[in-house]
Amino acid sequence: MPCVCCKKDCWYSIAAAATHELGHMPGEAGEREALATLRLIRACMISDCADVCLVRVPF
């Protein structure tokens, strides 16, 4: 479960930081905010979770 925990940590920490920075939930002022936040979450998952998440080969 370390992979899932890492990804959840990225999700919640980036969302909280974006909410603090914007003063409202990302996406309330437009789709661009939401997409930018999702890109940051994805970047966090790629950079911070690569060591704990195994790459799985699709069928």
PDB file of N, CA and C in Angstrom:
ATOM      1  N   MET A   1       0.790  -1.217   0.000  1.00  0.00           N
ATOM      2  CA  MET A   1       0.000   0.000   0.000  1.00  0.00           C
ATOM      3  C   MET A   1       0.833   1.282   0.000  1.00  0.00           C
ATOM      4  N   PRO A   2       2.163   1.204   0.059  1.00  0.00           N
ATOM      5  CA  PRO A   2       2.922   2.454   0.066  1.00  0.00           C
ATOM      6  C   PRO A   2       2.688   3.295  -1.185  1.00  0.00           C
ATOM      7  N   CYS A   3       2.449   2.640  -2.321  1.00  0.00           N
ATOM      8  CA  CYS A   3       2.214   3.369  -3.562  1.00  0.00           C
ATOM      9  C   CYS A   3       0.920   4.182  -3.467  1.00  0.00           C
ATOM     10  N   VAL A   4      -0.132   3.541  -2.990  1.00  0.00           N
ATOM     11  CA  VAL A   4      -1.423   4.216  -2.854  1.00  0.00           C
ATOM     12  C   VAL A   4      -1.311   5.366  -1.855  1.00  0.00           C
ATOM     13  N   CYS A   5      -0.624   5.128  -0.759  1.00  0.00           N
ATOM     14  CA  CYS A   5      -0.441   6.172   0.258  1.00  0.00           C
ATOM     15  C   CYS A   5       0.317   7.363  -0.314  1.00  0.00           C
ATOM     16  N   CYS A   6       1.340   7.094  -1.099  1.00  0.00           N
ATOM     17  CA  CYS A   6       2.120   8.170  -1.706  1.00  0.00           C
ATOM     18  C   CYS A   6       1.249   8.998  -2.650  1.00  0.00           C
ATOM     19  N   LYS A   7       0.465   8.311  -3.472  1.00  0.00           N
ATOM     20  CA  LYS A   7      -0.398   9.016  -4.421  1.00  0.00           C
ATOM     21  C   LYS A   7      -1.471   9.828  -3.708  1.00  0.00           C
ATOM     22  N   LYS A   8      -2.038   9.272  -2.641  1.00  0.00           N
ATOM     23  CA  LYS A   8      -3.034  10.016  -1.863  1.00  0.00           C
ATOM     24  C   LYS A   8      -2.402  11.236  -1.210  1.00  0.00           C
ATOM     25  N   ASP A   9      -1.174  11.081  -0.718  1.00  0.00           N
ATOM     26  CA  ASP A   9      -0.475  12.209  -0.111  1.00  0.00           C
ATOM     27  C   ASP A   9      -0.266  13.316  -1.136  1.00  0.00           C
ATOM     28  N   CYS A  10       0.136  12.950  -2.352  1.00  0.00           N
ATOM     29  CA  CYS A  10       0.283  13.947  -3.424  1.00  0.00           C
ATOM     30  C   CYS A  10      -1.042  14.658  -3.663  1.00  0.00           C
ATOM     31  N   TRP A  11      -2.103  13.872  -3.798  1.00  0.00           N
ATOM     32  CA  TRP A  11      -3.418  14.439  -4.102  1.00  0.00           C
ATOM     33  C   TRP A  11      -3.828  15.454  -3.039  1.00  0.00           C
ATOM     34  N   TYR A  12      -3.788  15.034  -1.773  1.00  0.00           N
ATOM     35  CA  TYR A  12      -4.271  15.906  -0.705  1.00  0.00           C
ATOM     36  C   TYR A  12      -3.340  17.086  -0.439  1.00  0.00           C
ATOM     37  N   SER A  13      -2.040  16.886  -0.498  1.00  0.00           N
ATOM     38  CA  SER A  13      -1.123  17.992  -0.213  1.00  0.00           C
ATOM     39  C   SER A  13      -1.154  19.044  -1.321  1.00  0.00           C
ATOM     40  N   ILE A  14      -1.200  18.623  -2.579  1.00  0.00           N
ATOM     41  CA  ILE A  14      -1.260  19.586  -3.684  1.00  0.00           C
ATOM     42  C   ILE A  14      -2.605  20.305  -3.687  1.00  0.00           C
ATOM     43  N   ALA A  15      -3.686  19.575  -3.460  1.00  0.00           N
ATOM     44  CA  ALA A  15      -5.010  20.204  -3.418  1.00  0.00           C
ATOM     45  C   ALA A  15      -5.098  21.216  -2.276  1.00  0.00           C
ATOM     46  N   ALA A  16      -4.543  20.874  -1.118  1.00  0.00           N
ATOM     47  CA  ALA A  16      -4.564  21.803   0.021  1.00  0.00           C
ATOM     48  C   ALA A  16      -3.715  23.038  -0.262  1.00  0.00           C
ATOM     49  N   ALA A  17      -2.547  22.836  -0.870  1.00  0.00           N
ATOM     50  CA  ALA A  17      -1.684  23.975  -1.199  1.00  0.00           C
ATOM     51  C   ALA A  17      -2.354  24.885  -2.226  1.00  0.00           C
ATOM     52  N   ALA A  18      -2.995  24.292  -3.223  1.00  0.00           N
ATOM     53  CA  ALA A  18      -3.681  25.091  -4.240  1.00  0.00           C
ATOM     54  C   ALA A  18      -4.853  25.855  -3.631  1.00  0.00           C
ATOM     55  N   THR A  19      -5.587  25.206  -2.747  1.00  0.00           N
ATOM     56  CA  THR A  19      -6.705  25.870  -2.079  1.00  0.00           C
ATOM     57  C   THR A  19      -6.207  27.039  -1.236  1.00  0.00           C
ATOM     58  N   HIS A  20      -5.114  26.836  -0.527  1.00  0.00           N
ATOM     59  CA  HIS A  20      -4.535  27.908   0.285  1.00  0.00           C
ATOM     60  C   HIS A  20      -4.070  29.065  -0.603  1.00  0.00           C
ATOM     61  N   GLU A  21      -3.392  28.745  -1.691  1.00  0.00           N
ATOM     62  CA  GLU A  21      -2.853  29.766  -2.596  1.00  0.00           C
ATOM     63  C   GLU A  21      -3.969  30.552  -3.290  1.00  0.00           C
ATOM     64  N   LEU A  22      -5.001  29.841  -3.747  1.00  0.00           N
ATOM     65  CA  LEU A  22      -6.078  30.489  -4.498  1.00  0.00           C
ATOM     66  C   LEU A  22      -7.109  31.157  -3.595  1.00  0.00           C
ATOM     67  N   GLY A  23      -7.260  30.639  -2.390  1.00  0.00           N
ATOM     68  CA  GLY A  23      -8.286  31.156  -1.495  1.00  0.00           C
ATOM     69  C   GLY A  23      -9.638  30.490  -1.710  1.00  0.00           C
ATOM     70  N   HIS A  24      -9.683  29.510  -2.591  1.00  0.00           N
ATOM     71  CA  HIS A  24     -10.895  28.731  -2.849  1.00  0.00           C
ATOM     72  C   HIS A  24     -10.489  27.399  -3.471  1.00  0.00           C
ATOM     73  N   MET A  25     -11.447  26.492  -3.601  1.00  0.00           N
ATOM     74  CA  MET A  25     -11.157  25.182  -4.187  1.00  0.00           C
ATOM     75  C   MET A  25     -10.753  25.354  -5.653  1.00  0.00           C
ATOM     76  N   PRO A  26      -9.708  24.645  -6.090  1.00  0.00           N
ATOM     77  CA  PRO A  26      -9.309  24.724  -7.494  1.00  0.00           C
ATOM     78  C   PRO A  26     -10.471  24.337  -8.411  1.00  0.00           C
ATOM     79  N   GLY A  27     -10.705  25.170  -9.399  1.00  0.00           N
ATOM     80  CA  GLY A  27     -11.788  24.921 -10.339  1.00  0.00           C
ATOM     81  C   GLY A  27     -12.986  25.823 -10.134  1.00  0.00           C
ATOM     82  N   GLU A  28     -13.078  26.464  -8.975  1.00  0.00           N
ATOM     83  CA  GLU A  28     -14.216  27.348  -8.723  1.00  0.00           C
ATOM     84  C   GLU A  28     -14.198  28.570  -9.632  1.00  0.00           C
ATOM     85  N   ALA A  29     -13.021  28.984 -10.061  1.00  0.00           N
ATOM     86  CA  ALA A  29     -12.914  30.159 -10.928  1.00  0.00           C
ATOM     87  C   ALA A  29     -12.625  29.760 -12.372  1.00  0.00           C
ATOM     88  N   GLY A  30     -12.820  28.502 -12.700  1.00  0.00           N
ATOM     89  CA  GLY A  30     -12.639  28.073 -14.083  1.00  0.00           C
ATOM     90  C   GLY A  30     -11.920  26.747 -14.209  1.00  0.00           C
ATOM     91  N   GLU A  31     -12.067  26.183 -15.388  1.00  0.00           N
ATOM     92  CA  GLU A  31     -11.497  24.871 -15.665  1.00  0.00           C
ATOM     93  C   GLU A  31      -9.973  24.891 -15.665  1.00  0.00           C
ATOM     94  N   ARG A  32      -9.382  26.021 -16.038  1.00  0.00           N
ATOM     95  CA  ARG A  32      -7.913  26.115 -16.080  1.00  0.00           C
ATOM     96  C   ARG A  32      -7.284  25.836 -14.722  1.00  0.00           C
ATOM     97  N   GLU A  33      -7.901  26.374 -13.665  1.00  0.00           N
ATOM     98  CA  GLU A  33      -7.402  26.123 -12.308  1.00  0.00           C
ATOM     99  C   GLU A  33      -7.416  24.636 -11.985  1.00  0.00           C
ATOM    100  N   ALA A  34      -8.520  23.995 -12.296  1.00  0.00           N
ATOM    101  CA  ALA A  34      -8.649  22.569 -12.002  1.00  0.00           C
ATOM    102  C   ALA A  34      -7.615  21.766 -12.775  1.00  0.00           C
ATOM    103  N   LEU A  35      -7.451  22.063 -14.052  1.00  0.00           N
ATOM    104  CA  LEU A  35      -6.491  21.325 -14.876  1.00  0.00           C
ATOM    105  C   LEU A  35      -5.056  21.574 -14.423  1.00  0.00           C
ATOM    106  N   ALA A  36      -4.752  22.799 -14.038  1.00  0.00           N
ATOM    107  CA  ALA A  36      -3.404  23.110 -13.547  1.00  0.00           C
ATOM    108  C   ALA A  36      -3.117  22.341 -12.258  1.00  0.00           C
ATOM    109  N   THR A  37      -4.101  22.260 -11.383  1.00  0.00           N
ATOM    110  CA  THR A  37      -3.934  21.510 -10.135  1.00  0.00           C
ATOM    111  C   THR A  37      -3.746  20.025 -10.418  1.00  0.00           C
ATOM    112  N   LEU A  38      -4.519  19.488 -11.343  1.00  0.00           N
ATOM    113  CA  LEU A  38      -4.368  18.073 -11.710  1.00  0.00           C
ATOM    114  C   LEU A  38      -2.991  17.792 -12.312  1.00  0.00           C
ATOM    115  N   ARG A  39      -2.467  18.734 -13.100  1.00  0.00           N
ATOM    116  CA  ARG A  39      -1.113  18.566 -13.651  1.00  0.00           C
ATOM    117  C   ARG A  39      -0.070  18.543 -12.542  1.00  0.00           C
ATOM    118  N   LEU A  40      -0.231  19.395 -11.540  1.00  0.00           N
ATOM    119  CA  LEU A  40       0.696  19.404 -10.408  1.00  0.00           C
ATOM    120  C   LEU A  40       0.611  18.103  -9.613  1.00  0.00           C
ATOM    121  N   ILE A  41      -0.599  17.600  -9.433  1.00  0.00           N
ATOM    122  CA  ILE A  41      -0.778  16.332  -8.717  1.00  0.00           C
ATOM    123  C   ILE A  41      -0.104  15.206  -9.491  1.00  0.00           C
ATOM    124  N   ARG A  42      -0.288  15.174 -10.796  1.00  0.00           N
ATOM    125  CA  ARG A  42       0.333  14.133 -11.624  1.00  0.00           C
ATOM    126  C   ARG A  42       1.855  14.219 -11.555  1.00  0.00           C
ATOM    127  N   ALA A  43       2.388  15.445 -11.624  1.00  0.00           N
ATOM    128  CA  ALA A  43       3.845  15.625 -11.546  1.00  0.00           C
ATOM    129  C   ALA A  43       4.377  15.138 -10.201  1.00  0.00           C
ATOM    130  N   CYS A  44       3.650  15.414  -9.131  1.00  0.00           N
ATOM    131  CA  CYS A  44       4.043  14.934  -7.802  1.00  0.00           C
ATOM    132  C   CYS A  44       4.067  13.416  -7.772  1.00  0.00           C
ATOM    133  N   MET A  45       3.023  12.800  -8.318  1.00  0.00           N
ATOM    134  CA  MET A  45       2.955  11.335  -8.325  1.00  0.00           C
ATOM    135  C   MET A  45       4.109  10.725  -9.120  1.00  0.00           C
ATOM    136  N   ILE A  46       4.453  11.345 -10.229  1.00  0.00           N
ATOM    137  CA  ILE A  46       5.545  10.825 -11.057  1.00  0.00           C
ATOM    138  C   ILE A  46       6.885  10.992 -10.352  1.00  0.00           C
ATOM    139  N   SER A  47       7.124  12.168  -9.791  1.00  0.00           N
ATOM    140  CA  SER A  47       8.437  12.427  -9.193  1.00  0.00           C
ATOM    141  C   SER A  47       8.593  11.824  -7.794  1.00  0.00           C
ATOM    142  N   ASP A  48       7.576  11.954  -6.956  1.00  0.00           N
ATOM    143  CA  ASP A  48       7.704  11.519  -5.565  1.00  0.00           C
ATOM    144  C   ASP A  48       7.388  10.040  -5.341  1.00  0.00           C
ATOM    145  N   CYS A  49       6.578   9.454  -6.192  1.00  0.00           N
ATOM    146  CA  CYS A  49       6.122   8.080  -5.953  1.00  0.00           C
ATOM    147  C   CYS A  49       6.814   7.045  -6.837  1.00  0.00           C
ATOM    148  N   ALA A  50       7.701   7.469  -7.702  1.00  0.00           N
ATOM    149  CA  ALA A  50       8.352   6.537  -8.631  1.00  0.00           C
ATOM    150  C   ALA A  50       9.120   5.442  -7.893  1.00  0.00           C
ATOM    151  N   ASP A  51       9.718   5.778  -6.767  1.00  0.00           N
ATOM    152  CA  ASP A  51      10.519   4.794  -6.031  1.00  0.00           C
ATOM    153  C   ASP A  51       9.675   3.751  -5.298  1.00  0.00           C
ATOM    154  N   VAL A  52       8.446   4.097  -4.949  1.00  0.00           N
ATOM    155  CA  VAL A  52       7.616   3.158  -4.187  1.00  0.00           C
ATOM    156  C   VAL A  52       6.561   2.451  -5.036  1.00  0.00           C
ATOM    157  N   CYS A  53       6.327   2.952  -6.240  1.00  0.00           N
ATOM    158  CA  CYS A  53       5.333   2.335  -7.124  1.00  0.00           C
ATOM    159  C   CYS A  53       6.040   1.523  -8.203  1.00  0.00           C
ATOM    160  N   LEU A  54       5.673   0.260  -8.301  1.00  0.00           N
ATOM    161  CA  LEU A  54       6.254  -0.602  -9.316  1.00  0.00           C
ATOM    162  C   LEU A  54       5.579  -0.352 -10.659  1.00  0.00           C
ATOM    163  N   VAL A  55       6.368  -0.382 -11.710  1.00  0.00           N
ATOM    164  CA  VAL A  55       5.817  -0.239 -13.052  1.00  0.00           C
ATOM    165  C   VAL A  55       5.222  -1.584 -13.445  1.00  0.00           C
ATOM    166  N   ARG A  56       3.973  -1.567 -13.847  1.00  0.00           N
ATOM    167  CA  ARG A  56       3.295  -2.809 -14.226  1.00  0.00           C
ATOM    168  C   ARG A  56       3.154  -2.866 -15.738  1.00  0.00           C
ATOM    169  N   VAL A  57       3.405  -4.028 -16.282  1.00  0.00           N
ATOM    170  CA  VAL A  57       3.284  -4.231 -17.721  1.00  0.00           C
ATOM    171  C   VAL A  57       1.826  -4.561 -18.035  1.00  0.00           C
ATOM    172  N   PRO A  58       1.202  -3.789 -18.946  1.00  0.00           N
ATOM    173  CA  PRO A  58      -0.194  -4.082 -19.294  1.00  0.00           C
ATOM    174  C   PRO A  58      -0.301  -5.391 -20.077  1.00  0.00           C
ATOM    175  N   PHE A  59      -1.453  -5.998 -20.025  1.00  0.00           N
ATOM    176  CA  PHE A  59      -1.677  -7.268 -20.717  1.00  0.00           C
ATOM    177  C   PHE A  59      -1.758  -7.078 -22.206  1.00  0.00           C
TER     178      PHE A  59
END
